[in-house]
């Protein structure tokens, strides 16, 4: 049975709305995947090991830090800038302090500028890979180990980059479940005594 004119139009409209919703839903994970693969949008690469090639050419790395509005931590790079050879493994530290009177969990997001350099900035290890929990008044040094891929020197756009900025922003997140369970066990033990 074929649909009449208004019914056919309504069915097509529902189909278009459904398709637009599906595309909107899929766009966020697809864009995230695309950025991780290509380095577009300042996304970095990740590696288990350092570079096999170290060039005589140097590059400056600038470190930047910020926190989400109302997030009760202080967060800053220990060193604002370093210069290293392209391909050489670098180690930088960021310092975070919980200025509140309660334990707080936080997660760091990051990006690299200029965007052309994103795919060539390779992290080996980073505090941003995991959630951080700080006790009231606690301060920690958090490392990031990285290198700049020597292929940056042959890329059509990125070969003109002489300074890269690595930026982190910390956001408050929910406490990890295992941390909440540990705290409730400690509370029960203190209540019994």
N, C-alpha and C. Protein backbone atom coordinates (compact mmCIF):
# COMPACT_ATOMS: atom_id res chain seq x y z
N UNK A 1 0.84 -1.17 0.00
CA UNK A 1 0.00 0.00 0.00
C UNK A 1 0.90 1.25 0.00
N UNK A 2 0.72 2.09 -0.98
CA UNK A 2 1.52 3.31 -1.11
C UNK A 2 0.95 4.40 -0.21
N UNK A 3 1.85 5.23 0.31
CA UNK A 3 1.42 6.33 1.17
C UNK A 3 0.91 7.48 0.32
N UNK A 4 -0.12 8.17 0.84
CA UNK A 4 -0.67 9.33 0.14
C UNK A 4 0.27 10.51 0.31
N UNK A 5 0.04 11.60 -0.43
CA UNK A 5 0.90 12.78 -0.45
C UNK A 5 1.31 13.29 0.92
N UNK A 6 0.37 13.69 1.82
CA UNK A 6 0.76 14.22 3.13
C UNK A 6 1.45 13.17 4.01
N UNK A 7 1.00 11.91 3.91
CA UNK A 7 1.62 10.85 4.72
C UNK A 7 3.05 10.59 4.24
N UNK A 8 3.23 10.62 2.94
CA UNK A 8 4.56 10.40 2.37
C UNK A 8 5.51 11.52 2.81
N UNK A 9 5.03 12.76 2.77
CA UNK A 9 5.83 13.91 3.18
C UNK A 9 6.19 13.80 4.66
N UNK A 10 5.22 13.41 5.50
CA UNK A 10 5.47 13.25 6.94
C UNK A 10 6.50 12.15 7.18
N UNK A 11 6.39 11.04 6.47
CA UNK A 11 7.34 9.93 6.63
C UNK A 11 8.75 10.37 6.22
N UNK A 12 8.85 11.13 5.13
CA UNK A 12 10.15 11.62 4.69
C UNK A 12 10.73 12.60 5.72
N UNK A 13 9.89 13.44 6.28
CA UNK A 13 10.33 14.40 7.28
C UNK A 13 10.86 13.68 8.53
N UNK A 14 10.15 12.65 8.98
CA UNK A 14 10.59 11.85 10.12
C UNK A 14 11.93 11.18 9.79
N UNK A 15 12.07 10.69 8.58
CA UNK A 15 13.33 10.07 8.16
C UNK A 15 14.49 11.05 8.18
N UNK A 16 14.23 12.28 7.70
CA UNK A 16 15.27 13.31 7.70
C UNK A 16 15.66 13.67 9.13
N UNK A 17 14.66 13.85 10.01
CA UNK A 17 14.95 14.18 11.41
C UNK A 17 15.74 13.06 12.06
N UNK A 18 15.37 11.81 11.81
CA UNK A 18 16.10 10.67 12.37
C UNK A 18 17.54 10.64 11.87
N UNK A 19 17.72 10.87 10.58
CA UNK A 19 19.06 10.86 9.99
C UNK A 19 19.92 11.98 10.56
N UNK A 20 19.37 13.17 10.72
CA UNK A 20 20.12 14.29 11.29
C UNK A 20 20.52 14.00 12.73
N UNK A 21 19.61 13.41 13.49
CA UNK A 21 19.93 13.03 14.88
C UNK A 21 21.05 12.00 14.93
N UNK A 22 21.00 11.01 14.05
CA UNK A 22 22.04 9.98 14.01
C UNK A 22 23.39 10.58 13.63
N UNK A 23 23.39 11.48 12.66
CA UNK A 23 24.65 12.13 12.27
C UNK A 23 25.20 13.01 13.38
N UNK A 24 24.33 13.73 14.07
CA UNK A 24 24.78 14.56 15.20
C UNK A 24 25.37 13.69 16.31
N UNK A 25 24.72 12.58 16.60
CA UNK A 25 25.21 11.67 17.64
C UNK A 25 26.57 11.10 17.27
N UNK A 26 26.76 10.73 16.02
CA UNK A 26 28.01 10.10 15.58
C UNK A 26 29.13 11.11 15.34
N UNK A 27 28.81 12.38 15.22
CA UNK A 27 29.83 13.35 14.84
C UNK A 27 30.89 13.55 15.93
N UNK A 28 30.50 13.52 17.21
CA UNK A 28 31.46 13.75 18.29
C UNK A 28 32.51 12.65 18.34
N UNK A 29 32.12 11.35 18.42
CA UNK A 29 33.17 10.32 18.42
C UNK A 29 33.97 10.27 17.11
N UNK A 30 33.31 10.54 15.99
CA UNK A 30 34.03 10.52 14.72
C UNK A 30 35.06 11.64 14.67
N UNK A 31 34.67 12.85 15.10
CA UNK A 31 35.59 13.98 15.11
C UNK A 31 36.77 13.72 16.05
N UNK A 32 36.48 13.15 17.22
CA UNK A 32 37.54 12.82 18.18
C UNK A 32 38.52 11.83 17.56
N UNK A 33 38.00 10.80 16.91
CA UNK A 33 38.85 9.80 16.25
C UNK A 33 39.67 10.47 15.15
N UNK A 34 39.02 11.30 14.35
CA UNK A 34 39.70 11.98 13.25
C UNK A 34 40.86 12.84 13.78
N UNK A 35 40.62 13.59 14.87
CA UNK A 35 41.65 14.45 15.44
C UNK A 35 42.81 13.63 15.98
N UNK A 36 42.52 12.51 16.63
CA UNK A 36 43.59 11.67 17.18
C UNK A 36 44.45 11.08 16.08
N UNK A 37 43.83 10.69 14.97
CA UNK A 37 44.57 10.06 13.88
C UNK A 37 45.38 11.10 13.10
N UNK A 38 44.81 12.27 12.88
CA UNK A 38 45.46 13.25 12.01
C UNK A 38 46.21 14.34 12.75
N UNK A 39 45.92 14.54 14.04
CA UNK A 39 46.52 15.65 14.76
C UNK A 39 45.78 16.95 14.51
N UNK A 40 44.70 16.90 13.75
CA UNK A 40 43.91 18.09 13.46
C UNK A 40 43.30 18.62 14.75
N UNK A 41 43.22 19.92 14.89
CA UNK A 41 42.61 20.51 16.07
C UNK A 41 43.52 20.46 17.28
N UNK A 42 44.82 20.26 17.09
CA UNK A 42 45.74 20.29 18.20
C UNK A 42 45.84 19.00 18.98
N UNK A 43 45.26 17.92 18.48
CA UNK A 43 45.37 16.62 19.16
C UNK A 43 46.78 16.07 18.99
N UNK A 44 47.27 15.43 20.03
CA UNK A 44 48.63 14.88 19.98
C UNK A 44 48.60 13.41 19.61
N UNK A 45 49.78 12.88 19.31
CA UNK A 45 49.95 11.45 19.09
C UNK A 45 50.41 10.82 20.41
N UNK A 46 50.31 9.49 20.49
CA UNK A 46 50.75 8.77 21.69
C UNK A 46 51.65 7.63 21.24
N UNK A 47 52.73 7.38 21.99
CA UNK A 47 53.66 6.30 21.67
C UNK A 47 54.13 5.65 22.96
N UNK A 48 54.55 4.40 22.86
CA UNK A 48 55.11 3.69 24.01
C UNK A 48 56.59 3.97 24.20
N UNK A 49 57.24 4.44 23.15
CA UNK A 49 58.69 4.66 23.20
C UNK A 49 59.04 6.01 22.59
N UNK A 50 60.28 6.42 22.81
CA UNK A 50 60.78 7.66 22.23
C UNK A 50 61.10 7.49 20.75
N UNK A 51 61.54 8.57 20.14
CA UNK A 51 61.88 8.56 18.72
C UNK A 51 63.21 7.86 18.49
N UNK A 52 63.34 7.18 17.36
CA UNK A 52 64.60 6.54 16.98
C UNK A 52 65.55 7.54 16.33
N UNK A 53 65.02 8.67 15.92
CA UNK A 53 65.81 9.67 15.21
C UNK A 53 65.80 10.97 16.01
N UNK A 54 67.00 11.54 16.23
CA UNK A 54 67.11 12.83 16.90
C UNK A 54 67.89 13.76 15.97
N UNK A 55 67.28 14.87 15.62
CA UNK A 55 67.90 15.82 14.69
C UNK A 55 68.72 16.88 15.44
N UNK A 56 69.59 17.56 14.73
CA UNK A 56 70.35 18.66 15.32
C UNK A 56 69.50 19.92 15.45
N UNK A 57 68.40 19.97 14.72
CA UNK A 57 67.50 21.13 14.74
C UNK A 57 66.71 21.15 16.05
N UNK A 58 66.56 22.33 16.64
CA UNK A 58 65.85 22.45 17.92
C UNK A 58 64.48 23.08 17.72
N UNK A 59 63.65 22.89 18.74
CA UNK A 59 62.31 23.48 18.76
C UNK A 59 62.01 23.88 20.19
N UNK A 60 61.27 24.97 20.36
CA UNK A 60 60.91 25.43 21.71
C UNK A 60 59.51 24.91 22.04
N UNK A 61 59.36 24.43 23.27
CA UNK A 61 58.07 23.96 23.77
C UNK A 61 57.66 24.88 24.90
N UNK A 62 56.49 25.46 24.79
CA UNK A 62 55.93 26.34 25.82
C UNK A 62 54.83 25.57 26.55
N UNK A 63 54.75 25.74 27.85
CA UNK A 63 53.77 25.02 28.67
C UNK A 63 52.77 26.01 29.26
N UNK A 64 51.50 25.65 29.17
CA UNK A 64 50.43 26.52 29.63
C UNK A 64 49.47 25.70 30.50
N UNK A 65 48.84 26.35 31.47
CA UNK A 65 47.92 25.65 32.38
C UNK A 65 46.76 26.56 32.76
N UNK A 66 45.59 25.96 32.88
CA UNK A 66 44.42 26.68 33.35
C UNK A 66 43.48 25.70 34.05
N UNK A 67 42.50 26.25 34.76
CA UNK A 67 41.51 25.42 35.44
C UNK A 67 40.12 25.92 35.06
N UNK A 68 39.16 25.01 35.15
CA UNK A 68 37.78 25.36 34.89
C UNK A 68 37.31 26.35 35.95
N UNK A 69 36.41 27.23 35.59
CA UNK A 69 35.88 28.22 36.53
C UNK A 69 35.28 27.53 37.76
N UNK A 70 35.70 27.99 38.93
CA UNK A 70 35.17 27.44 40.19
C UNK A 70 35.87 26.18 40.66
N UNK A 71 36.83 25.67 39.91
CA UNK A 71 37.55 24.46 40.29
C UNK A 71 38.60 24.84 41.34
N UNK A 72 38.51 24.30 42.57
CA UNK A 72 39.36 24.77 43.67
C UNK A 72 40.77 24.16 43.71
N UNK A 73 41.46 24.22 42.59
CA UNK A 73 42.86 23.79 42.53
C UNK A 73 43.69 24.95 42.01
N UNK A 74 44.96 24.94 42.39
CA UNK A 74 45.95 25.78 41.72
C UNK A 74 46.70 24.83 40.79
N UNK A 75 46.98 25.27 39.58
CA UNK A 75 47.58 24.39 38.58
C UNK A 75 48.49 25.23 37.69
N UNK A 76 49.77 24.83 37.58
CA UNK A 76 50.72 25.62 36.79
C UNK A 76 51.86 24.73 36.33
N UNK A 77 52.52 25.12 35.23
CA UNK A 77 53.72 24.40 34.81
C UNK A 77 54.88 24.78 35.73
N UNK A 78 55.75 23.83 36.01
CA UNK A 78 56.94 24.12 36.82
C UNK A 78 57.91 24.96 36.00
N UNK A 79 58.04 24.62 34.74
CA UNK A 79 58.91 25.35 33.82
C UNK A 79 58.04 25.85 32.67
N UNK A 80 58.14 27.13 32.34
CA UNK A 80 57.28 27.72 31.30
C UNK A 80 57.68 27.35 29.88
N UNK A 81 58.98 27.12 29.67
CA UNK A 81 59.45 26.83 28.32
C UNK A 81 60.73 26.01 28.37
N UNK A 82 60.89 25.16 27.38
CA UNK A 82 62.15 24.42 27.22
C UNK A 82 62.47 24.31 25.74
N UNK A 83 63.74 24.16 25.46
CA UNK A 83 64.18 23.96 24.08
C UNK A 83 64.83 22.59 24.02
N UNK A 84 64.46 21.81 23.01
CA UNK A 84 65.07 20.49 22.85
C UNK A 84 65.20 20.17 21.37
N UNK A 85 66.06 19.19 21.11
CA UNK A 85 66.26 18.79 19.72
C UNK A 85 65.03 18.02 19.23
N UNK A 86 64.69 18.17 17.99
CA UNK A 86 63.55 17.47 17.42
C UNK A 86 63.84 15.96 17.45
N UNK A 87 62.95 15.21 18.07
CA UNK A 87 63.12 13.77 18.25
C UNK A 87 63.61 13.41 19.64
N UNK A 88 64.19 14.37 20.35
CA UNK A 88 64.70 14.14 21.70
C UNK A 88 63.52 14.03 22.69
N UNK A 89 63.64 13.11 23.65
CA UNK A 89 62.58 12.95 24.65
C UNK A 89 62.70 14.05 25.70
N UNK A 90 61.58 14.73 25.94
CA UNK A 90 61.52 15.78 26.94
C UNK A 90 60.69 15.35 28.13
N UNK A 91 60.98 15.91 29.28
CA UNK A 91 60.23 15.64 30.50
C UNK A 91 59.88 16.98 31.14
N UNK A 92 58.59 17.22 31.32
CA UNK A 92 58.13 18.46 31.94
C UNK A 92 57.21 18.10 33.10
N UNK A 93 57.11 19.02 34.06
CA UNK A 93 56.25 18.79 35.22
C UNK A 93 55.26 19.93 35.36
N UNK A 94 54.07 19.57 35.79
CA UNK A 94 53.05 20.52 36.18
C UNK A 94 52.79 20.31 37.67
N UNK A 95 52.47 21.39 38.38
CA UNK A 95 52.18 21.29 39.81
C UNK A 95 50.71 21.61 40.04
N UNK A 96 50.05 20.75 40.83
CA UNK A 96 48.65 20.97 41.18
C UNK A 96 48.51 20.95 42.70
N UNK A 97 47.67 21.83 43.23
CA UNK A 97 47.39 21.91 44.66
C UNK A 97 45.88 21.99 44.86
N UNK A 98 45.36 21.14 45.72
CA UNK A 98 43.94 21.19 46.09
C UNK A 98 43.81 22.23 47.20
N UNK A 99 43.16 23.34 46.91
CA UNK A 99 43.03 24.43 47.89
C UNK A 99 41.74 24.32 48.71
N UNK A 100 41.00 23.24 48.51
CA UNK A 100 39.72 23.10 49.23
C UNK A 100 39.92 22.27 50.50
N UNK A 101 38.81 22.04 51.22
CA UNK A 101 38.86 21.24 52.45
C UNK A 101 38.26 19.84 52.24
N UNK A 102 38.23 19.39 50.97
CA UNK A 102 37.69 18.06 50.66
C UNK A 102 38.50 17.42 49.55
N UNK A 103 38.50 16.08 49.47
CA UNK A 103 39.18 15.43 48.35
C UNK A 103 38.47 15.77 47.04
N UNK A 104 39.24 15.99 46.00
CA UNK A 104 38.65 16.35 44.71
C UNK A 104 39.35 15.56 43.60
N UNK A 105 38.53 15.06 42.68
CA UNK A 105 39.05 14.37 41.49
C UNK A 105 39.01 15.34 40.32
N UNK A 106 40.03 15.26 39.49
CA UNK A 106 40.08 16.14 38.32
C UNK A 106 40.65 15.40 37.12
N UNK A 107 40.27 15.87 35.95
CA UNK A 107 40.77 15.33 34.69
C UNK A 107 41.27 16.49 33.85
N UNK A 108 42.39 16.30 33.18
CA UNK A 108 42.97 17.35 32.35
C UNK A 108 42.68 17.08 30.88
N UNK A 109 42.22 18.11 30.19
CA UNK A 109 42.13 18.05 28.73
C UNK A 109 43.33 18.83 28.21
N UNK A 110 43.69 18.60 26.96
CA UNK A 110 44.89 19.24 26.43
C UNK A 110 44.72 19.57 24.96
N UNK A 111 45.55 20.45 24.50
CA UNK A 111 45.69 20.68 23.07
C UNK A 111 47.07 21.26 22.79
N UNK A 112 47.40 21.28 21.52
CA UNK A 112 48.70 21.77 21.07
C UNK A 112 48.46 22.86 20.05
N UNK A 113 49.22 23.93 20.15
CA UNK A 113 49.15 25.01 19.16
C UNK A 113 50.55 25.28 18.65
N UNK A 114 50.72 25.60 17.40
CA UNK A 114 49.69 25.69 16.38
C UNK A 114 49.15 24.32 15.99
N UNK A 115 47.95 24.33 15.42
CA UNK A 115 47.27 23.08 15.08
C UNK A 115 48.10 22.19 14.16
N UNK A 116 48.89 22.81 13.27
CA UNK A 116 49.70 22.03 12.32
C UNK A 116 50.68 21.10 13.04
N UNK A 117 51.07 21.46 14.26
CA UNK A 117 52.06 20.67 15.00
C UNK A 117 51.45 19.54 15.80
N UNK A 118 50.13 19.53 15.96
CA UNK A 118 49.47 18.57 16.83
C UNK A 118 49.83 17.13 16.56
N UNK A 119 49.79 16.71 15.33
CA UNK A 119 50.07 15.31 14.98
C UNK A 119 51.52 14.92 15.14
N UNK A 120 52.41 15.90 15.32
CA UNK A 120 53.84 15.64 15.45
C UNK A 120 54.30 15.70 16.90
N UNK A 121 53.44 16.19 17.78
CA UNK A 121 53.77 16.24 19.21
C UNK A 121 53.31 14.91 19.80
N UNK A 122 54.26 14.10 20.25
CA UNK A 122 53.96 12.74 20.67
C UNK A 122 54.20 12.56 22.16
N UNK A 123 53.15 12.13 22.86
CA UNK A 123 53.26 11.88 24.30
C UNK A 123 53.60 10.42 24.53
N UNK A 124 54.55 10.19 25.44
CA UNK A 124 54.91 8.83 25.84
C UNK A 124 54.17 8.49 27.13
N UNK A 125 54.12 9.44 28.05
CA UNK A 125 53.39 9.26 29.31
C UNK A 125 52.89 10.63 29.74
N UNK A 126 51.71 10.64 30.39
CA UNK A 126 51.14 11.93 30.77
C UNK A 126 50.14 11.76 31.91
N UNK A 127 50.15 12.71 32.83
CA UNK A 127 49.16 12.73 33.91
C UNK A 127 47.75 12.86 33.36
N UNK A 128 47.63 13.37 32.14
CA UNK A 128 46.31 13.57 31.53
C UNK A 128 45.68 12.26 31.06
N UNK A 129 46.44 11.17 31.07
CA UNK A 129 45.89 9.89 30.66
C UNK A 129 44.98 9.29 31.72
N UNK A 130 45.10 9.76 32.98
CA UNK A 130 44.31 9.21 34.07
C UNK A 130 43.69 10.32 34.91
N UNK A 131 42.69 9.96 35.68
CA UNK A 131 42.06 10.89 36.59
C UNK A 131 42.97 11.11 37.79
N UNK A 132 43.01 12.33 38.31
CA UNK A 132 43.84 12.66 39.46
C UNK A 132 42.94 12.95 40.67
N UNK A 133 43.31 12.43 41.84
CA UNK A 133 42.57 12.71 43.07
C UNK A 133 43.55 13.34 44.05
N UNK A 134 43.21 14.53 44.54
CA UNK A 134 44.05 15.22 45.52
C UNK A 134 43.27 15.42 46.81
N UNK A 135 43.97 15.16 47.91
CA UNK A 135 43.39 15.37 49.24
C UNK A 135 43.41 16.87 49.57
N UNK A 136 42.65 17.31 50.58
CA UNK A 136 42.65 18.72 50.94
C UNK A 136 44.07 19.22 51.24
N UNK A 137 44.47 20.31 50.58
CA UNK A 137 45.79 20.89 50.79
C UNK A 137 46.93 20.15 50.13
N UNK A 138 46.67 19.04 49.48
CA UNK A 138 47.75 18.24 48.87
C UNK A 138 48.27 18.90 47.60
N UNK A 139 49.59 18.86 47.44
CA UNK A 139 50.25 19.33 46.22
C UNK A 139 51.01 18.16 45.59
N UNK A 140 50.97 18.08 44.28
CA UNK A 140 51.68 17.02 43.57
C UNK A 140 52.37 17.58 42.33
N UNK A 141 53.46 16.94 41.94
CA UNK A 141 54.11 17.21 40.67
C UNK A 141 53.66 16.13 39.70
N UNK A 142 53.19 16.54 38.55
CA UNK A 142 52.67 15.59 37.57
C UNK A 142 53.50 15.68 36.29
N UNK A 143 54.08 14.54 35.85
CA UNK A 143 54.97 14.58 34.69
C UNK A 143 54.25 14.35 33.35
N UNK A 144 54.87 14.89 32.31
CA UNK A 144 54.49 14.56 30.94
C UNK A 144 55.80 14.31 30.18
N UNK A 145 55.88 13.14 29.55
CA UNK A 145 57.06 12.76 28.77
C UNK A 145 56.65 12.79 27.29
N UNK A 146 57.48 13.39 26.45
CA UNK A 146 57.06 13.64 25.07
C UNK A 146 58.27 13.79 24.16
N UNK A 147 58.00 13.83 22.87
CA UNK A 147 58.99 14.24 21.87
C UNK A 147 58.25 14.82 20.67
N UNK A 148 58.98 15.57 19.86
CA UNK A 148 58.43 16.10 18.62
C UNK A 148 58.95 15.22 17.50
N UNK A 149 58.03 14.63 16.76
CA UNK A 149 58.37 13.70 15.68
C UNK A 149 59.21 14.41 14.62
N UNK A 150 60.37 13.83 14.25
CA UNK A 150 61.23 14.45 13.23
C UNK A 150 60.53 14.67 11.88
N UNK A 151 59.44 13.97 11.63
CA UNK A 151 58.71 14.16 10.37
C UNK A 151 58.12 15.57 10.26
N UNK A 152 58.09 16.30 11.37
CA UNK A 152 57.58 17.68 11.33
C UNK A 152 58.39 18.52 10.35
N UNK A 153 59.68 18.18 10.18
CA UNK A 153 60.56 18.99 9.33
C UNK A 153 60.28 18.81 7.84
N UNK A 154 59.51 17.78 7.48
CA UNK A 154 59.21 17.55 6.07
C UNK A 154 57.75 17.82 5.73
N UNK A 155 56.94 18.13 6.74
CA UNK A 155 55.52 18.41 6.49
C UNK A 155 55.37 19.77 5.82
N UNK A 156 54.48 19.83 4.84
CA UNK A 156 54.28 21.05 4.05
C UNK A 156 53.98 22.28 4.92
N UNK A 157 53.13 22.12 5.95
CA UNK A 157 52.75 23.26 6.78
C UNK A 157 53.54 23.32 8.09
N UNK A 158 53.74 22.17 8.72
CA UNK A 158 54.35 22.14 10.06
C UNK A 158 55.85 22.42 10.05
N UNK A 159 56.51 22.30 8.92
CA UNK A 159 57.97 22.51 8.89
C UNK A 159 58.36 23.95 9.24
N UNK A 160 57.40 24.87 9.22
CA UNK A 160 57.69 26.26 9.57
C UNK A 160 57.45 26.56 11.05
N UNK A 161 57.03 25.55 11.80
CA UNK A 161 56.76 25.73 13.23
C UNK A 161 58.07 25.66 14.00
N UNK A 162 58.35 26.69 14.81
CA UNK A 162 59.57 26.73 15.62
C UNK A 162 59.27 26.77 17.11
N UNK A 163 57.98 26.91 17.45
CA UNK A 163 57.56 26.94 18.84
C UNK A 163 56.20 26.25 18.93
N UNK A 164 56.08 25.34 19.90
CA UNK A 164 54.84 24.61 20.13
C UNK A 164 54.37 24.92 21.55
N UNK A 165 53.08 25.15 21.72
CA UNK A 165 52.51 25.37 23.04
C UNK A 165 51.64 24.18 23.42
N UNK A 166 51.97 23.58 24.56
CA UNK A 166 51.19 22.47 25.11
C UNK A 166 50.34 23.04 26.24
N UNK A 167 49.02 22.98 26.09
CA UNK A 167 48.10 23.57 27.08
C UNK A 167 47.25 22.49 27.73
N UNK A 168 47.05 22.64 29.04
CA UNK A 168 46.17 21.75 29.80
C UNK A 168 45.14 22.57 30.54
N UNK A 169 43.93 22.03 30.64
CA UNK A 169 42.89 22.62 31.48
C UNK A 169 42.34 21.51 32.36
N UNK A 170 42.30 21.75 33.68
CA UNK A 170 41.76 20.76 34.62
C UNK A 170 40.29 21.06 34.90
N UNK A 171 39.50 19.98 34.93
CA UNK A 171 38.07 20.04 35.25
C UNK A 171 37.79 19.09 36.40
N UNK A 172 36.84 19.46 37.24
CA UNK A 172 36.44 18.55 38.32
C UNK A 172 35.61 17.42 37.75
N UNK A 173 35.86 16.21 38.24
CA UNK A 173 35.10 15.04 37.83
C UNK A 173 34.59 14.32 39.07
N UNK A 174 33.68 13.38 38.86
CA UNK A 174 33.18 12.58 39.98
C UNK A 174 34.30 11.72 40.54
N UNK A 175 34.23 11.49 41.84
CA UNK A 175 35.22 10.61 42.47
C UNK A 175 35.14 9.21 41.87
N UNK A 176 36.28 8.55 41.67
CA UNK A 176 36.25 7.18 41.16
C UNK A 176 35.48 6.27 42.13
N UNK A 177 34.80 5.28 41.57
CA UNK A 177 34.00 4.37 42.40
C UNK A 177 34.85 3.67 43.45
N UNK A 178 36.04 3.19 43.07
CA UNK A 178 36.88 2.48 44.03
C UNK A 178 37.33 3.42 45.16
N UNK A 179 37.50 4.71 44.87
CA UNK A 179 37.87 5.67 45.91
C UNK A 179 36.70 5.87 46.88
N UNK A 180 35.49 6.00 46.34
CA UNK A 180 34.30 6.18 47.17
C UNK A 180 34.09 4.95 48.06
N UNK A 181 34.29 3.74 47.51
CA UNK A 181 34.14 2.51 48.29
C UNK A 181 35.20 2.45 49.39
N UNK A 182 36.43 2.86 49.10
CA UNK A 182 37.50 2.87 50.09
C UNK A 182 37.16 3.82 51.23
N UNK A 183 36.65 5.01 50.90
CA UNK A 183 36.26 5.98 51.93
C UNK A 183 35.13 5.48 52.80
N UNK A 184 34.14 4.79 52.21
CA UNK A 184 33.02 4.29 53.01
C UNK A 184 33.50 3.17 53.93
N UNK A 185 34.48 2.36 53.51
CA UNK A 185 35.05 1.33 54.39
C UNK A 185 35.79 1.96 55.55
N UNK A 186 36.53 3.04 55.31
CA UNK A 186 37.26 3.73 56.36
C UNK A 186 36.26 4.34 57.36
N UNK A 187 35.18 4.93 56.83
CA UNK A 187 34.16 5.53 57.70
C UNK A 187 33.51 4.46 58.58
N UNK A 188 33.21 3.29 58.00
CA UNK A 188 32.61 2.20 58.78
C UNK A 188 33.56 1.75 59.89
N UNK A 189 34.86 1.63 59.56
CA UNK A 189 35.84 1.20 60.55
C UNK A 189 35.95 2.21 61.68
N UNK A 190 35.89 3.50 61.38
CA UNK A 190 35.99 4.52 62.43
C UNK A 190 34.71 4.55 63.28
N UNK A 191 33.57 4.27 62.65
CA UNK A 191 32.31 4.26 63.39
C UNK A 191 32.28 3.10 64.39
N UNK A 192 32.90 1.96 64.03
CA UNK A 192 32.91 0.79 64.91
C UNK A 192 33.78 1.05 66.13
N UNK A 193 34.91 1.73 65.93
CA UNK A 193 35.84 2.00 67.04
C UNK A 193 35.27 3.09 67.85
